[in-house]
Amino acid sequence: ISDVADQQSHLSFDEFLAVAAKQSTLMVETLVQKLARG
């Protein structure tokens, strides 16, 4: 993802959103599992 004015990036914002959603899901699932274990 790029925040520079020339708009060059190896990843589009839509592609970034898909990756971020998967990573966020994994993080939350892991956190919930750890909390459930006590």
PDB file of N, CA and C in Angstrom:
ATOM      1  N   ILE A   1       0.861  -1.178   0.000  1.00  0.00           N
ATOM      2  CA  ILE A   1       0.000   0.000   0.000  1.00  0.00           C
ATOM      3  C   ILE A   1       0.903   1.236   0.000  1.00  0.00           C
ATOM      4  N   SER A   2       0.490   2.226  -0.714  1.00  0.00           N
ATOM      5  CA  SER A   2       1.339   3.404  -0.870  1.00  0.00           C
ATOM      6  C   SER A   2       0.595   4.656  -0.442  1.00  0.00           C
ATOM      7  N   ASP A   3       1.315   5.516   0.246  1.00  0.00           N
ATOM      8  CA  ASP A   3       0.727   6.805   0.585  1.00  0.00           C
ATOM      9  C   ASP A   3       1.490   7.945  -0.077  1.00  0.00           C
ATOM     10  N   VAL A   4       2.294   7.599  -1.068  1.00  0.00           N
ATOM     11  CA  VAL A   4       3.041   8.634  -1.779  1.00  0.00           C
ATOM     12  C   VAL A   4       2.242   9.139  -2.975  1.00  0.00           C
ATOM     13  N   ALA A   5       2.554  10.318  -3.411  1.00  0.00           N
ATOM     14  CA  ALA A   5       1.751  10.981  -4.436  1.00  0.00           C
ATOM     15  C   ALA A   5       1.802  10.315  -5.804  1.00  0.00           C
ATOM     16  N   ASP A   6       2.856   9.554  -6.085  1.00  0.00           N
ATOM     17  CA  ASP A   6       2.938   8.968  -7.424  1.00  0.00           C
ATOM     18  C   ASP A   6       2.109   7.692  -7.582  1.00  0.00           C
ATOM     19  N   GLN A   7       1.452   7.264  -6.520  1.00  0.00           N
ATOM     20  CA  GLN A   7       0.526   6.131  -6.551  1.00  0.00           C
ATOM     21  C   GLN A   7       1.174   4.795  -6.900  1.00  0.00           C
ATOM     22  N   GLN A   8       2.478   4.659  -6.758  1.00  0.00           N
ATOM     23  CA  GLN A   8       3.142   3.397  -7.066  1.00  0.00           C
ATOM     24  C   GLN A   8       3.155   2.507  -5.835  1.00  0.00           C
ATOM     25  N   SER A   9       2.681   1.291  -6.018  1.00  0.00           N
ATOM     26  CA  SER A   9       2.669   0.326  -4.931  1.00  0.00           C
ATOM     27  C   SER A   9       2.546  -1.064  -5.523  1.00  0.00           C
ATOM     28  N   HIS A  10       3.122  -2.044  -4.840  1.00  0.00           N
ATOM     29  CA  HIS A  10       2.999  -3.424  -5.302  1.00  0.00           C
ATOM     30  C   HIS A  10       1.668  -4.030  -4.882  1.00  0.00           C
ATOM     31  N   LEU A  11       0.875  -3.302  -4.105  1.00  0.00           N
ATOM     32  CA  LEU A  11      -0.367  -3.822  -3.547  1.00  0.00           C
ATOM     33  C   LEU A  11      -1.448  -2.754  -3.656  1.00  0.00           C
ATOM     34  N   SER A  12      -2.587  -3.124  -4.231  1.00  0.00           N
ATOM     35  CA  SER A  12      -3.689  -2.164  -4.296  1.00  0.00           C
ATOM     36  C   SER A  12      -4.367  -2.092  -2.925  1.00  0.00           C
ATOM     37  N   PHE A  13      -5.148  -1.065  -2.717  1.00  0.00           N
ATOM     38  CA  PHE A  13      -5.823  -0.924  -1.429  1.00  0.00           C
ATOM     39  C   PHE A  13      -6.791  -2.073  -1.206  1.00  0.00           C
ATOM     40  N   ASP A  14      -7.494  -2.508  -2.249  1.00  0.00           N
ATOM     41  CA  ASP A  14      -8.420  -3.637  -2.115  1.00  0.00           C
ATOM     42  C   ASP A  14      -7.676  -4.915  -1.741  1.00  0.00           C
ATOM     43  N   GLU A  15      -6.499  -5.123  -2.334  1.00  0.00           N
ATOM     44  CA  GLU A  15      -5.688  -6.292  -1.976  1.00  0.00           C
ATOM     45  C   GLU A  15      -5.220  -6.188  -0.526  1.00  0.00           C
ATOM     46  N   PHE A  16      -4.834  -4.994  -0.124  1.00  0.00           N
ATOM     47  CA  PHE A  16      -4.428  -4.770   1.259  1.00  0.00           C
ATOM     48  C   PHE A  16      -5.564  -5.093   2.217  1.00  0.00           C
ATOM     49  N   LEU A  17      -6.779  -4.670   1.893  1.00  0.00           N
ATOM     50  CA  LEU A  17      -7.915  -4.926   2.775  1.00  0.00           C
ATOM     51  C   LEU A  17      -8.139  -6.416   2.978  1.00  0.00           C
ATOM     52  N   ALA A  18      -8.001  -7.205   1.917  1.00  0.00           N
ATOM     53  CA  ALA A  18      -8.180  -8.652   2.034  1.00  0.00           C
ATOM     54  C   ALA A  18      -7.130  -9.255   2.960  1.00  0.00           C
ATOM     55  N   VAL A  19      -5.888  -8.855   2.796  1.00  0.00           N
ATOM     56  CA  VAL A  19      -4.804  -9.360   3.648  1.00  0.00           C
ATOM     57  C   VAL A  19      -5.023  -8.908   5.092  1.00  0.00           C
ATOM     58  N   ALA A  20      -5.366  -7.654   5.277  1.00  0.00           N
ATOM     59  CA  ALA A  20      -5.574  -7.120   6.624  1.00  0.00           C
ATOM     60  C   ALA A  20      -6.734  -7.823   7.323  1.00  0.00           C
ATOM     61  N   ALA A  21      -7.791  -8.116   6.596  1.00  0.00           N
ATOM     62  CA  ALA A  21      -8.938  -8.807   7.187  1.00  0.00           C
ATOM     63  C   ALA A  21      -8.554 -10.206   7.649  1.00  0.00           C
ATOM     64  N   LYS A  22      -7.804 -10.930   6.833  1.00  0.00           N
ATOM     65  CA  LYS A  22      -7.371 -12.279   7.213  1.00  0.00           C
ATOM     66  C   LYS A  22      -6.466 -12.236   8.436  1.00  0.00           C
ATOM     67  N   GLN A  23      -5.532 -11.300   8.456  1.00  0.00           N
ATOM     68  CA  GLN A  23      -4.604 -11.191   9.585  1.00  0.00           C
ATOM     69  C   GLN A  23      -5.336 -10.761  10.859  1.00  0.00           C
ATOM     70  N   SER A  24      -6.287  -9.874  10.731  1.00  0.00           N
ATOM     71  CA  SER A  24      -7.060  -9.434  11.893  1.00  0.00           C
ATOM     72  C   SER A  24      -7.884 -10.578  12.464  1.00  0.00           C
ATOM     73  N   THR A  25      -8.476 -11.367  11.583  1.00  0.00           N
ATOM     74  CA  THR A  25      -9.241 -12.529  12.020  1.00  0.00           C
ATOM     75  C   THR A  25      -8.358 -13.510  12.766  1.00  0.00           C
ATOM     76  N   LEU A  26      -7.194 -13.796  12.222  1.00  0.00           N
ATOM     77  CA  LEU A  26      -6.254 -14.707  12.875  1.00  0.00           C
ATOM     78  C   LEU A  26      -5.846 -14.174  14.248  1.00  0.00           C
ATOM     79  N   MET A  27      -5.578 -12.897  14.339  1.00  0.00           N
ATOM     80  CA  MET A  27      -5.169 -12.296  15.606  1.00  0.00           C
ATOM     81  C   MET A  27      -6.276 -12.410  16.652  1.00  0.00           C
ATOM     82  N   VAL A  28      -7.508 -12.093  16.268  1.00  0.00           N
ATOM     83  CA  VAL A  28      -8.625 -12.147  17.208  1.00  0.00           C
ATOM     84  C   VAL A  28      -8.899 -13.589  17.629  1.00  0.00           C
ATOM     85  N   GLU A  29      -8.878 -14.527  16.689  1.00  0.00           N
ATOM     86  CA  GLU A  29      -9.108 -15.932  17.026  1.00  0.00           C
ATOM     87  C   GLU A  29      -8.052 -16.442  17.999  1.00  0.00           C
ATOM     88  N   THR A  30      -6.804 -16.087  17.767  1.00  0.00           N
ATOM     89  CA  THR A  30      -5.720 -16.505  18.652  1.00  0.00           C
ATOM     90  C   THR A  30      -5.894 -15.899  20.038  1.00  0.00           C
ATOM     91  N   LEU A  31      -6.245 -14.636  20.103  1.00  0.00           N
ATOM     92  CA  LEU A  31      -6.461 -13.965  21.378  1.00  0.00           C
ATOM     93  C   LEU A  31      -7.601 -14.623  22.152  1.00  0.00           C
ATOM     94  N   VAL A  32      -8.697 -14.914  21.482  1.00  0.00           N
ATOM     95  CA  VAL A  32      -9.843 -15.548  22.137  1.00  0.00           C
ATOM     96  C   VAL A  32      -9.460 -16.930  22.661  1.00  0.00           C
ATOM     97  N   GLN A  33      -8.717 -17.699  21.882  1.00  0.00           N
ATOM     98  CA  GLN A  33      -8.272 -19.021  22.329  1.00  0.00           C
ATOM     99  C   GLN A  33      -7.394 -18.906  23.570  1.00  0.00           C
ATOM    100  N   LYS A  34      -6.484 -17.965  23.583  1.00  0.00           N
ATOM    101  CA  LYS A  34      -5.596 -17.781  24.740  1.00  0.00           C
ATOM    102  C   LYS A  34      -6.380 -17.333  25.969  1.00  0.00           C
ATOM    103  N   LEU A  35      -7.341 -16.465  25.788  1.00  0.00           N
ATOM    104  CA  LEU A  35      -8.162 -16.022  26.912  1.00  0.00           C
ATOM    105  C   LEU A  35      -9.024 -17.162  27.452  1.00  0.00           C
ATOM    106  N   ALA A  36      -9.509 -18.024  26.569  1.00  0.00           N
ATOM    107  CA  ALA A  36     -10.348 -19.145  26.985  1.00  0.00           C
ATOM    108  C   ALA A  36      -9.554 -20.153  27.819  1.00  0.00           C
ATOM    109  N   ARG A  37      -8.265 -20.257  27.558  1.00  0.00           N
ATOM    110  CA  ARG A  37      -7.414 -21.189  28.304  1.00  0.00           C
ATOM    111  C   ARG A  37      -7.087 -20.672  29.704  1.00  0.00           C
ATOM    112  N   GLY A  38      -7.240 -19.377  29.880  1.00  0.00           N
ATOM    113  CA  GLY A  38      -6.971 -18.787  31.191  1.00  0.00           C
ATOM    114  C   GLY A  38      -5.598 -18.456  31.361  1.00  0.00           C
TER     115      GLY A  38
END
